[in-house]
């Protein structure tokens, strides 16, 4: 802008005084002008970066990214001009600044769990010799399960910053995870029994004979003793910071696993009009909730607002029950107990965090092993593999955690044929767990590094092909707890308020009656004990201590 304005001003002056003798500017004045342009762009980009950093500190990550985008575009425009290439110190400062901007944008994308974009931005920062970006990229590669690449990135970061303790810790974690992966690859042809087949319930102590255990009891180890009062007692007991006995946890998990194994990849749920007639005029409905992420006290608040599950008050929790929050065990144990009590009216779909890699990174594995045992975690892994991938509610609404697929023309019948009893690899199953909607038509690479971005035309085509009218998905934090997109044909629902005690977002859930018209209830975060997110592990990949 400054250079353009300068040229116009000189031209206008020349035209106004045509009889005055024109003089060429001296070489020195041209040099000064070019150098002032370099200084101008340095100051301008520095100001934009500062604004982005302010948004970042306020946890307004999308706004921070927008500012970083602007700064990067300013640089790209500037380097196409005839700038002074002898202004070496200023140009060096400019390039270092660009490296830090790419690095900071990578950090903002990390906060939004867009790990694929983190890798791209960190790589750009490294090209500008901004070496902290090795650390950023290592964290993102770890989150994406690229353990060998993550290990190499942390090794590079350690070379550049040999005294940094955080880098040493992460390198140690990455190396251990990489070694474990290599070990399991070596023995995968010797696949052992599922965890459920190797469990002998009598190997666990009997809580009915333990004077120290004062929690809910399963009479004769029989889940038929679970009723609504048992659920209430469980919630109160866990809310007071106590753990349900490991023997009962395993019994409930095995009962829930049996139920999930009887499910198809895509299950169907319809509100039962007969039950509504027999329910003493209570309205029969289903409530759809999004990510909970181990935020137990907010999870319980949903039931305070909307009532406990029952045959007349069905619930569908749409994946990502665990990780991040430090009460993931309490959440999932409650859910599985409700599933056992109401197998047809308490519904659960698999999210991208019901996977080994995410559980390693974001705290659930550490929490389970701290509160229970490694065997219990292995049983959770088997159980998560058995979760349905989607539900169709009222023959109208497709509910899945992430979204739609890169592959064209996918039908419900095709989804039913997937082998879901595994960790998701590339393909339709991964897309269902990981994908996100976009405003633009068509498909685009996912900034998360898994799944795809899909536009309103993709949504419309999928719904038409499968004779459906609406998609409900979760997977993304929403400031208001929900968002309606794609001409009203897609809803994102997110049920973890003030996500990881940082985001400041509201949460929401959807209620549907027999007309299947969505109505939304928003709620805010509840007080909880002073325990930070990922308190039992995984928090090492919170990058706040090395920016």
Protein backbone atom coordinates (compact mmCIF):
# COMPACT_ATOMS: atom_id res chain seq x y z
CA UNK A 1 0.00 0.00 0.00
CA UNK A 2 2.76 2.44 0.90
CA UNK A 3 4.70 1.87 -2.30
CA UNK A 4 1.61 2.14 -4.48
CA UNK A 5 0.59 5.40 -2.81
CA UNK A 6 4.09 6.84 -3.27
CA UNK A 7 4.09 6.19 -7.04
CA UNK A 8 0.64 7.72 -7.52
CA UNK A 9 1.61 10.84 -5.57
CA UNK A 10 4.70 11.41 -7.74
CA UNK A 11 2.66 10.99 -10.92
CA UNK A 12 0.01 13.45 -9.80
CA UNK A 13 2.64 16.01 -8.88
CA UNK A 14 4.29 15.66 -12.27
CA UNK A 15 1.01 16.17 -14.07
CA UNK A 16 0.18 19.22 -12.00
CA UNK A 17 3.44 21.00 -12.82
CA UNK A 18 4.36 19.88 -16.36
CA UNK A 19 6.77 22.80 -16.96
CA UNK A 20 8.93 22.01 -13.93
CA UNK A 21 12.12 20.13 -14.64
CA UNK A 22 11.87 16.48 -13.55
CA UNK A 23 14.86 14.99 -11.81
CA UNK A 24 15.69 11.33 -11.38
CA UNK A 25 15.94 10.22 -7.76
CA UNK A 26 19.47 9.52 -6.67
CA UNK A 27 20.59 5.88 -6.31
CA UNK A 28 20.87 6.46 -2.56
CA UNK A 29 17.24 7.58 -2.29
CA UNK A 30 16.10 4.48 -4.18
CA UNK A 31 18.16 2.30 -1.84
CA UNK A 32 16.60 4.07 1.15
CA UNK A 33 13.13 3.55 -0.30
CA UNK A 34 13.72 -0.17 -0.85
CA UNK A 35 15.17 -0.61 2.61
CA UNK A 36 12.26 1.28 4.11
CA UNK A 37 9.96 -1.18 2.31
CA UNK A 38 11.73 -4.10 3.98
CA UNK A 39 11.50 -2.40 7.35
CA UNK A 40 7.85 -1.56 6.71
CA UNK A 41 6.88 -5.17 5.95
CA UNK A 42 8.86 -6.46 8.94
CA UNK A 43 6.98 -4.11 11.24
CA UNK A 44 3.65 -4.88 9.59
CA UNK A 45 4.03 -8.65 9.83
CA UNK A 46 5.33 -8.37 13.38
CA UNK A 47 2.17 -6.48 14.33
CA UNK A 48 -0.09 -9.07 12.70
CA UNK A 49 1.80 -11.86 14.45
CA UNK A 50 1.39 -10.08 17.78
CA UNK A 51 -2.38 -9.87 17.22
CA UNK A 52 -2.45 -13.58 16.45
CA UNK A 53 -0.52 -14.35 19.62
CA UNK A 54 -3.02 -12.31 21.62
CA UNK A 55 -5.90 -14.36 20.21
CA UNK A 56 -3.96 -17.53 21.00
CA UNK A 57 -3.47 -16.53 24.63
CA UNK A 58 -7.21 -15.86 24.82
CA UNK A 59 -7.76 -19.40 23.44
CA UNK A 60 -9.41 -17.97 20.32
CA UNK A 61 -7.51 -20.40 18.13
CA UNK A 62 -9.50 -19.90 14.92
CA UNK A 63 -8.98 -16.12 15.13
CA UNK A 64 -5.29 -16.66 15.85
CA UNK A 65 -5.00 -18.83 12.74
CA UNK A 66 -6.69 -16.15 10.65
CA UNK A 67 -4.10 -13.60 11.78
CA UNK A 68 -1.21 -15.98 11.09
CA UNK A 69 -2.72 -16.66 7.64
CA UNK A 70 -2.73 -12.91 6.94
CA UNK A 71 0.88 -12.51 8.03
CA UNK A 72 2.00 -15.37 5.79
CA UNK A 73 0.13 -13.95 2.79
CA UNK A 74 1.73 -10.54 3.39
CA UNK A 75 5.14 -12.20 3.21
CA UNK A 76 4.29 -14.14 0.06
CA UNK A 77 3.15 -10.93 -1.64
CA UNK A 78 6.20 -8.98 -0.50
CA UNK A 79 8.84 -11.40 -1.79
CA UNK A 80 7.44 -10.99 -5.30
CA UNK A 81 8.29 -7.28 -5.25
CA UNK A 82 11.55 -5.54 -6.10
CA UNK A 83 12.71 -5.31 -2.50
CA UNK A 84 16.24 -4.46 -1.36
CA UNK A 85 18.14 -7.72 -1.23
CA UNK A 86 21.09 -6.04 0.49
CA UNK A 87 19.05 -5.34 3.65
CA UNK A 88 20.42 -8.59 5.05
CA UNK A 89 19.75 -8.06 8.75
CA UNK A 90 16.13 -7.07 8.21
CA UNK A 91 15.58 -9.93 5.79
CA UNK A 92 17.10 -12.37 8.27
CA UNK A 93 14.75 -11.07 10.94
CA UNK A 94 11.82 -11.40 8.54
CA UNK A 95 12.59 -15.03 7.75
CA UNK A 96 13.01 -15.92 11.40
CA UNK A 97 9.69 -14.26 12.10
CA UNK A 98 8.00 -16.29 9.34
CA UNK A 99 9.38 -19.46 10.85
CA UNK A 100 7.92 -18.51 14.23
CA UNK A 101 4.55 -17.67 12.61
CA UNK A 102 4.34 -21.05 10.89
CA UNK A 103 5.32 -22.63 14.21
CA UNK A 104 2.68 -20.69 16.14
CA UNK A 105 0.02 -21.54 13.58
CA UNK A 106 1.02 -25.18 13.97
CA UNK A 107 0.49 -24.79 17.72
CA UNK A 108 -3.00 -23.35 17.18
CA UNK A 109 -3.87 -26.21 14.83
CA UNK A 110 -2.56 -28.65 17.44
CA UNK A 111 -4.98 -27.18 19.97
CA UNK A 112 -7.75 -27.87 17.45
CA UNK A 113 -6.41 -31.43 16.93
CA UNK A 114 -5.72 -30.78 13.24
CA UNK A 115 -2.52 -32.78 13.30
CA UNK A 116 -2.07 -33.10 9.55
CA UNK A 117 -1.92 -29.32 9.22
CA UNK A 118 0.47 -29.15 12.18
CA UNK A 119 2.91 -31.37 10.27
CA UNK A 120 2.66 -29.16 7.17
CA UNK A 121 3.16 -25.90 9.08
CA UNK A 122 5.99 -27.25 11.22
CA UNK A 123 7.74 -28.45 8.08
CA UNK A 124 7.49 -24.95 6.62
CA UNK A 125 8.88 -23.47 9.83
CA UNK A 126 11.86 -25.82 9.63
CA UNK A 127 12.54 -24.57 6.09
CA UNK A 128 12.93 -21.12 7.65
CA UNK A 129 15.41 -22.70 10.12
CA UNK A 130 13.03 -22.30 13.04
CA UNK A 131 14.23 -25.36 14.93
CA UNK A 132 11.56 -25.46 17.64
CA UNK A 133 9.27 -26.72 14.90
CA UNK A 134 10.91 -30.16 15.13
CA UNK A 135 9.27 -30.38 18.53
CA UNK A 136 5.88 -29.35 17.13
CA UNK A 137 6.09 -31.84 14.29
CA UNK A 138 7.18 -34.59 16.66
CA UNK A 139 4.09 -34.09 18.81
CA UNK A 140 1.82 -34.10 15.77
CA UNK A 141 3.41 -37.21 14.29
CA UNK A 142 3.01 -38.94 17.65
CA UNK A 143 -0.69 -38.05 17.72
CA UNK A 144 -1.04 -39.43 14.17
CA UNK A 145 0.64 -42.68 15.18
CA UNK A 146 3.70 -42.02 13.01
CA UNK A 147 5.99 -43.15 15.78
CA UNK A 148 9.19 -43.53 13.77
CA UNK A 149 8.85 -40.02 12.35
CA UNK A 150 7.98 -38.65 15.78
CA UNK A 151 11.11 -40.21 17.27
CA UNK A 152 13.30 -38.68 14.55
CA UNK A 153 11.74 -35.23 15.07
CA UNK A 154 12.42 -35.30 18.81
CA UNK A 155 15.97 -36.47 18.12
CA UNK A 156 16.45 -33.43 15.87
CA UNK A 157 14.89 -31.18 18.50
CA UNK A 158 17.26 -32.57 21.13
CA UNK A 159 20.25 -31.84 18.87
CA UNK A 160 19.15 -28.20 18.65
CA UNK A 161 18.11 -27.85 22.31
CA UNK A 162 20.19 -30.43 24.24
CA UNK A 163 19.35 -29.04 27.69
CA UNK A 164 15.57 -28.91 27.29
CA UNK A 165 14.02 -31.41 29.73
CA UNK A 166 10.65 -31.45 28.00
CA UNK A 167 12.20 -32.56 24.71
CA UNK A 168 14.12 -35.31 26.53
CA UNK A 169 10.89 -36.54 28.12
CA UNK A 170 9.04 -36.63 24.83
CA UNK A 171 11.91 -38.35 23.05
CA UNK A 172 11.87 -41.02 25.73
CA UNK A 173 8.10 -41.50 25.33
CA UNK A 174 8.30 -41.57 21.53
CA UNK A 175 11.15 -44.07 21.59
CA UNK A 176 9.28 -46.36 23.99
CA UNK A 177 6.10 -46.21 21.87
CA UNK A 178 8.11 -46.88 18.69
CA UNK A 179 9.81 -49.89 20.30
CA UNK A 180 6.44 -51.26 21.45
CA UNK A 181 5.05 -50.86 17.95
CA UNK A 182 7.98 -52.77 16.48
CA UNK A 183 7.52 -55.52 19.06
CA UNK A 184 3.82 -55.94 18.32
CA UNK A 185 4.49 -55.94 14.57
CA UNK A 186 6.99 -58.73 15.10
CA UNK A 187 4.54 -60.92 17.01
CA UNK A 188 1.32 -60.01 15.21
CA UNK A 189 1.43 -63.28 13.28
CA UNK A 190 1.23 -65.00 16.66
CA UNK A 191 -2.04 -63.33 17.59
CA UNK A 192 -3.07 -64.30 21.08
CA UNK A 193 -6.48 -64.72 22.61
CA UNK A 194 -8.72 -61.67 23.10
CA UNK A 195 -8.48 -60.25 26.60
CA UNK A 196 -12.02 -61.41 27.35
CA UNK A 197 -11.06 -65.04 26.71
CA UNK A 198 -8.17 -64.94 29.16
CA UNK A 199 -10.05 -63.47 32.12
CA UNK A 200 -10.95 -65.62 35.11
CA UNK A 201 -13.23 -63.51 37.29
CA UNK A 202 -12.19 -65.48 40.37
CA UNK A 203 -8.68 -64.09 40.03
CA UNK A 204 -10.09 -60.81 41.34
CA UNK A 205 -10.82 -60.44 45.04
CA UNK A 206 -14.43 -60.63 46.22
CA UNK A 207 -15.57 -57.13 47.26
CA UNK A 208 -18.43 -58.58 49.31
CA UNK A 209 -15.76 -59.98 51.64
CA UNK A 210 -13.67 -56.79 51.67
CA UNK A 211 -14.42 -54.61 54.70
CA UNK A 212 -12.63 -51.65 53.10
CA UNK A 213 -14.89 -51.56 50.03
CA UNK A 214 -18.07 -49.56 50.66
CA UNK A 215 -19.35 -49.11 47.10
CA UNK A 216 -22.21 -50.62 45.08
CA UNK A 217 -22.43 -54.43 45.16
CA UNK A 218 -23.34 -56.92 42.42
CA UNK A 219 -25.18 -59.68 44.25
CA UNK A 220 -23.63 -63.03 43.31
CA UNK A 221 -21.68 -61.21 40.58
CA UNK A 222 -24.96 -60.91 38.67
CA UNK A 223 -25.58 -57.80 36.54
CA UNK A 224 -29.34 -58.37 36.92
CA UNK A 225 -28.98 -56.72 40.33
CA UNK A 226 -28.34 -53.40 38.54
CA UNK A 227 -31.34 -51.05 38.62
CA UNK A 228 -31.92 -47.30 38.60
CA UNK A 229 -31.03 -46.99 42.28
CA UNK A 230 -27.81 -48.93 41.66
CA UNK A 231 -26.92 -46.41 38.92
CA UNK A 232 -27.64 -43.50 41.28
CA UNK A 233 -25.43 -45.07 43.95
CA UNK A 234 -22.66 -45.64 41.42
CA UNK A 235 -22.76 -42.02 40.26
CA UNK A 236 -22.64 -40.74 43.84
CA UNK A 237 -19.83 -43.12 44.78
CA UNK A 238 -17.67 -42.15 41.80
CA UNK A 239 -18.47 -38.46 42.25
CA UNK A 240 -16.98 -38.73 45.73
CA UNK A 241 -13.67 -39.83 44.20
CA UNK A 242 -13.99 -43.57 44.79
CA UNK A 243 -13.49 -46.39 42.29
CA UNK A 244 -15.97 -49.16 41.60
CA UNK A 245 -14.31 -52.46 42.53
CA UNK A 246 -12.23 -53.96 39.70
CA UNK A 247 -14.14 -57.25 39.88
CA UNK A 248 -17.43 -55.48 39.20
CA UNK A 249 -15.87 -53.33 36.48
CA UNK A 250 -14.73 -56.45 34.61
CA UNK A 251 -18.11 -58.20 35.07
CA UNK A 252 -19.95 -55.16 33.67
CA UNK A 253 -17.49 -54.82 30.79
CA UNK A 254 -17.90 -58.47 29.80
CA UNK A 255 -21.69 -58.11 29.86
CA UNK A 256 -21.53 -54.94 27.73
CA UNK A 257 -19.06 -56.56 25.33
CA UNK A 258 -21.51 -59.37 24.71
CA UNK A 259 -24.20 -56.81 23.83
CA UNK A 260 -21.93 -54.87 21.47
CA UNK A 261 -20.87 -58.04 19.69
CA UNK A 262 -24.52 -58.66 18.83
CA UNK A 263 -24.74 -55.25 17.12
CA UNK A 264 -24.31 -54.51 13.44
CA UNK A 265 -21.93 -51.83 12.19
CA UNK A 266 -24.95 -49.58 11.64
CA UNK A 267 -27.76 -50.07 14.12
CA UNK A 268 -31.34 -48.77 13.89
CA UNK A 269 -33.39 -47.08 16.60
CA UNK A 270 -37.05 -46.07 16.40
CA UNK A 271 -39.13 -44.54 19.15
CA UNK A 272 -41.66 -47.10 20.35
CA UNK A 273 -45.15 -45.67 20.11
CA UNK A 274 -46.54 -48.52 22.20
CA UNK A 275 -44.17 -47.70 25.04
CA UNK A 276 -45.24 -44.09 24.77
CA UNK A 277 -48.90 -45.08 25.20
CA UNK A 278 -48.04 -47.14 28.28
CA UNK A 279 -45.79 -44.53 29.91
CA UNK A 280 -48.46 -42.66 31.86
CA UNK A 281 -48.39 -39.71 29.47
CA UNK A 282 -44.61 -39.25 29.78
CA UNK A 283 -43.17 -38.15 26.48
CA UNK A 284 -41.12 -40.81 24.73
CA UNK A 285 -37.95 -39.37 23.17
CA UNK A 286 -34.25 -39.89 22.48
CA UNK A 287 -31.39 -37.54 23.36
CA UNK A 288 -28.21 -37.42 21.25
CA UNK A 289 -25.03 -36.27 22.97
CA UNK A 290 -21.64 -35.54 21.46
CA UNK A 291 -18.10 -35.83 22.84
CA UNK A 292 -17.82 -36.12 26.63
CA UNK A 293 -14.06 -36.74 26.89
CA UNK A 294 -13.88 -37.87 30.48
CA UNK A 295 -15.57 -34.76 31.89
CA UNK A 296 -17.56 -36.76 34.45
CA UNK A 297 -19.13 -33.88 36.34
CA UNK A 298 -20.44 -32.33 33.12
CA UNK A 299 -21.64 -35.77 31.99
CA UNK A 300 -23.68 -36.15 35.19
CA UNK A 301 -25.10 -32.66 34.65
CA UNK A 302 -26.71 -33.89 31.42
CA UNK A 303 -28.79 -36.31 33.49
CA UNK A 304 -29.61 -33.57 36.00
CA UNK A 305 -30.99 -31.47 33.15
CA UNK A 306 -32.60 -34.23 31.10
CA UNK A 307 -33.25 -37.16 33.44
CA UNK A 308 -31.55 -40.52 33.80
CA UNK A 309 -31.82 -42.94 30.89
CA UNK A 310 -34.86 -45.20 30.80
CA UNK A 311 -37.07 -46.94 28.24
CA UNK A 312 -38.95 -43.65 27.81
CA UNK A 313 -35.82 -41.50 27.94
CA UNK A 314 -33.33 -43.07 25.54
CA UNK A 315 -29.83 -41.70 24.98
CA UNK A 316 -27.30 -41.99 22.17
CA UNK A 317 -23.73 -40.96 23.05
CA UNK A 318 -21.87 -40.34 19.82
CA UNK A 319 -18.27 -41.36 20.54
CA UNK A 320 -15.23 -39.88 22.30
CA UNK A 321 -16.33 -40.89 25.78
CA UNK A 322 -12.75 -40.99 27.07
CA UNK A 323 -9.37 -39.19 26.89
CA UNK A 324 -8.47 -35.61 27.75
CA UNK A 325 -10.60 -35.40 30.91
CA UNK A 326 -9.24 -37.14 34.01
CA UNK A 327 -12.45 -38.98 34.91
CA UNK A 328 -12.66 -41.11 31.77
CA UNK A 329 -12.95 -44.31 33.82
CA UNK A 330 -15.93 -42.92 35.71
CA UNK A 331 -17.65 -41.86 32.48
CA UNK A 332 -17.16 -45.12 30.60
CA UNK A 333 -18.04 -47.32 33.61
CA UNK A 334 -21.28 -45.39 34.05
CA UNK A 335 -22.07 -45.72 30.34
CA UNK A 336 -21.39 -49.46 30.22
CA UNK A 337 -23.52 -50.01 33.32
CA UNK A 338 -26.38 -48.10 31.68
CA UNK A 339 -25.86 -50.14 28.50
CA UNK A 340 -26.24 -53.35 30.50
CA UNK A 341 -29.38 -52.02 32.22
CA UNK A 342 -30.97 -50.57 29.05
CA UNK A 343 -29.39 -52.40 26.09
CA UNK A 344 -31.96 -51.05 23.61
CA UNK A 345 -32.30 -47.55 25.03
CA UNK A 346 -28.75 -46.54 25.95
CA UNK A 347 -26.82 -46.38 22.70
CA UNK A 348 -23.14 -45.77 21.96
CA UNK A 349 -21.13 -45.26 18.77
CA UNK A 350 -17.37 -45.41 18.35
CA UNK A 351 -15.31 -42.23 18.11
CA UNK A 352 -11.75 -41.65 16.98
CA UNK A 353 -10.69 -41.62 20.64
CA UNK A 354 -11.93 -45.17 21.18
CA UNK A 355 -8.62 -46.35 19.71
CA UNK A 356 -5.29 -47.47 21.15
CA UNK A 357 -3.22 -44.65 19.69
CA UNK A 358 -5.47 -41.89 21.02
CA UNK A 359 -5.75 -43.61 24.42
CA UNK A 360 -1.95 -43.76 24.63
CA UNK A 361 -1.59 -40.09 23.80
CA UNK A 362 -4.49 -38.49 25.64
CA UNK A 363 -4.58 -40.10 29.03
CA UNK A 364 -7.10 -42.95 29.09
CA UNK A 365 -4.51 -45.73 29.08
CA UNK A 366 -2.59 -44.12 31.93
CA UNK A 367 -5.79 -43.51 33.89
CA UNK A 368 -7.03 -47.11 33.53
CA UNK A 369 -3.68 -48.56 34.52
CA UNK A 370 -3.53 -46.19 37.51
CA UNK A 371 -7.06 -46.91 38.76
CA UNK A 372 -7.34 -50.55 37.66
CA UNK A 373 -4.81 -52.55 35.59
CA UNK A 374 -3.25 -53.15 32.19
CA UNK A 375 -5.58 -56.14 31.70
CA UNK A 376 -8.59 -53.86 32.13
CA UNK A 377 -7.18 -51.50 29.51
CA UNK A 378 -6.73 -54.43 27.10
CA UNK A 379 -10.35 -55.37 27.73
CA UNK A 380 -11.42 -51.77 26.99
CA UNK A 381 -9.54 -51.96 23.69
CA UNK A 382 -11.42 -55.12 22.75
CA UNK A 383 -14.71 -53.54 23.80
CA UNK A 384 -14.07 -50.35 21.81
CA UNK A 385 -13.41 -52.48 18.71
CA UNK A 386 -16.91 -53.91 19.10
CA UNK A 387 -18.75 -50.57 19.27
CA UNK A 388 -21.16 -49.82 16.40
CA UNK A 389 -19.91 -47.27 13.87
CA UNK A 390 -23.25 -45.50 13.38
CA UNK A 391 -26.96 -45.42 14.16
CA UNK A 392 -29.93 -44.57 11.97
CA UNK A 393 -32.62 -42.95 14.10
CA UNK A 394 -36.22 -43.02 12.94
CA UNK A 395 -35.11 -44.25 9.49
CA UNK A 396 -34.23 -40.59 8.81
CA UNK A 397 -31.14 -39.50 10.75
CA UNK A 398 -27.64 -40.89 10.24
CA UNK A 399 -25.57 -40.52 13.44
CA UNK A 400 -21.81 -41.12 13.42
CA UNK A 401 -18.89 -39.55 15.22
CA UNK A 402 -16.89 -37.94 12.40
CA UNK A 403 -18.58 -37.76 9.03
CA UNK A 404 -18.65 -38.88 5.43
CA UNK A 405 -16.19 -40.61 3.17
CA UNK A 406 -13.68 -39.92 0.44
CA UNK A 407 -15.10 -42.86 -1.51
CA UNK A 408 -18.03 -41.99 -3.74
CA UNK A 409 -21.38 -43.73 -3.53
CA UNK A 410 -21.02 -45.41 -0.13
CA UNK A 411 -24.24 -47.11 0.98
CA UNK A 412 -25.38 -48.33 4.38
CA UNK A 413 -25.07 -51.89 3.07
CA UNK A 414 -21.40 -51.27 2.28
CA UNK A 415 -20.76 -49.92 5.79
CA UNK A 416 -22.42 -53.03 7.23
CA UNK A 417 -19.80 -55.21 5.51
CA UNK A 418 -16.77 -53.52 7.12
CA UNK A 419 -14.74 -55.51 9.65
CA UNK A 420 -14.97 -53.09 12.56
CA UNK A 421 -13.16 -55.32 15.06
CA UNK A 422 -9.83 -53.60 14.59
CA UNK A 423 -7.92 -50.37 14.95
CA UNK A 424 -9.08 -48.17 12.07
CA UNK A 425 -6.89 -48.10 8.98
CA UNK A 426 -7.39 -45.92 5.92
CA UNK A 427 -10.80 -46.24 4.29
CA UNK A 428 -14.49 -45.85 5.01
CA UNK A 429 -14.21 -46.80 8.69
CA UNK A 430 -11.52 -44.19 9.36
CA UNK A 431 -13.53 -41.55 7.51
CA UNK A 432 -16.61 -42.28 9.64
CA UNK A 433 -14.55 -41.69 12.79
CA UNK A 434 -12.38 -38.77 11.63
CA UNK A 435 -13.95 -36.65 8.85
CA UNK A 436 -15.19 -33.04 9.17
CA UNK A 437 -17.64 -30.93 7.16
CA UNK A 438 -16.62 -27.83 5.20
CA UNK A 439 -18.61 -25.01 3.59
CA UNK A 440 -17.06 -25.51 0.15
CA UNK A 441 -18.44 -28.15 -2.19
CA UNK A 442 -16.52 -31.34 -2.85
CA UNK A 443 -13.75 -32.98 -0.87
CA UNK A 444 -10.51 -31.59 0.56
CA UNK A 445 -7.60 -33.08 2.51
CA UNK A 446 -8.24 -33.22 6.24
CA UNK A 447 -6.20 -30.86 8.39
CA UNK A 448 -6.41 -33.49 11.12
CA UNK A 449 -4.38 -35.98 9.12
CA UNK A 450 -7.19 -38.55 9.14
CA UNK A 451 -10.49 -38.72 7.27
CA UNK A 452 -11.49 -36.01 4.81
CA UNK A 453 -13.23 -32.64 4.58
CA UNK A 454 -16.59 -32.93 2.84
CA UNK A 455 -18.92 -30.28 1.46
CA UNK A 456 -22.70 -29.80 1.31
CA UNK A 457 -22.92 -31.55 -2.05
CA UNK A 458 -21.33 -34.68 -0.55
CA UNK A 459 -23.82 -34.61 2.32
CA UNK A 460 -26.78 -34.16 -0.02
CA UNK A 461 -25.67 -37.03 -2.25
CA UNK A 462 -25.12 -39.44 0.65
CA UNK A 463 -28.52 -38.65 2.16
CA UNK A 464 -30.29 -39.03 -1.17
CA UNK A 465 -28.52 -42.30 -2.01
CA UNK A 466 -29.47 -43.81 1.35
CA UNK A 467 -32.98 -42.31 1.62
CA UNK A 468 -32.12 -40.25 4.70
CA UNK A 469 -32.78 -36.61 5.63
CA UNK A 470 -30.18 -35.53 8.22
CA UNK A 471 -26.66 -36.27 9.48
CA UNK A 472 -25.80 -35.76 13.15
CA UNK A 473 -22.09 -35.92 13.98
CA UNK A 474 -19.76 -34.73 16.74
CA UNK A 475 -15.95 -34.63 16.78
CA UNK A 476 -15.50 -30.82 16.76
CA UNK A 477 -15.64 -28.27 19.56
CA UNK A 478 -18.41 -25.75 18.94
CA UNK A 479 -18.54 -22.42 20.72
CA UNK A 480 -22.30 -22.74 21.27
CA UNK A 481 -22.23 -26.52 21.71
CA UNK A 482 -23.78 -27.22 18.32
CA UNK A 483 -23.77 -25.98 14.75
CA UNK A 484 -26.15 -26.49 11.83
CA UNK A 485 -24.47 -26.73 8.42
CA UNK A 486 -25.03 -27.83 4.81
CA UNK A 487 -28.41 -26.17 4.31
CA UNK A 488 -29.76 -27.70 7.50
CA UNK A 489 -28.85 -31.25 6.49
CA UNK A 490 -25.96 -31.66 8.97
CA UNK A 491 -25.63 -30.94 12.70
CA UNK A 492 -22.48 -31.02 14.80
CA UNK A 493 -23.18 -31.69 18.49
CA UNK A 494 -20.51 -31.37 21.20
CA UNK A 495 -21.23 -32.15 24.87
CA UNK A 496 -18.01 -31.28 26.74
CA UNK A 497 -18.33 -27.68 28.02
CA UNK A 498 -15.16 -25.65 28.57
CA UNK A 499 -13.32 -28.45 26.82
CA UNK A 500 -10.15 -29.51 28.69
CA UNK A 501 -10.74 -26.61 31.11
CA UNK A 502 -9.51 -24.22 28.43
CA UNK A 503 -11.81 -23.63 25.50
CA UNK A 504 -14.63 -21.70 27.20
CA UNK A 505 -17.25 -23.30 24.94
CA UNK A 506 -20.82 -24.17 25.81
CA UNK A 507 -22.01 -27.75 25.37
CA UNK A 508 -25.30 -29.03 24.02
CA UNK A 509 -27.45 -32.08 23.36
CA UNK A 510 -30.24 -32.81 20.89
CA UNK A 511 -33.66 -34.10 21.88
CA UNK A 512 -35.94 -35.86 19.39
CA UNK A 513 -39.55 -36.90 19.90
CA UNK A 514 -41.55 -39.17 17.57
CA UNK A 515 -41.59 -36.39 14.93
CA UNK A 516 -37.74 -36.54 14.89
CA UNK A 517 -37.40 -32.76 14.76
CA UNK A 518 -34.22 -31.68 16.62
CA UNK A 519 -34.43 -29.37 19.62
CA UNK A 520 -31.28 -28.18 21.37
CA UNK A 521 -30.39 -27.72 25.03
CA UNK A 522 -27.21 -25.83 25.88
CA UNK A 523 -25.33 -26.05 29.17
CA UNK A 524 -22.13 -24.81 30.77
CA UNK A 525 -19.27 -26.43 32.67
CA UNK A 526 -19.77 -27.67 36.23
CA UNK A 527 -17.34 -27.41 39.11
CA UNK A 528 -15.06 -30.39 39.56
CA UNK A 529 -12.20 -31.41 41.86
CA UNK A 530 -8.89 -29.72 41.25
CA UNK A 531 -7.41 -32.26 38.86
CA UNK A 532 -5.93 -31.14 35.58
CA UNK A 533 -6.81 -32.79 32.23
CA UNK A 534 -4.75 -35.87 31.33
CA UNK A 535 -3.55 -36.10 34.93
CA UNK A 536 -2.63 -39.78 34.56
CA UNK A 537 -0.51 -39.56 31.42
CA UNK A 538 -0.65 -38.23 27.91
CA UNK A 539 -0.31 -34.69 29.19
CA UNK A 540 3.31 -34.78 28.05
CA UNK A 541 1.92 -33.95 24.62
CA UNK A 542 0.42 -30.70 25.82
CA UNK A 543 2.91 -28.38 24.18
CA UNK A 544 2.23 -25.28 26.23
CA UNK A 545 5.58 -25.43 28.01
CA UNK A 546 7.73 -25.04 24.90
CA UNK A 547 6.51 -22.36 22.48
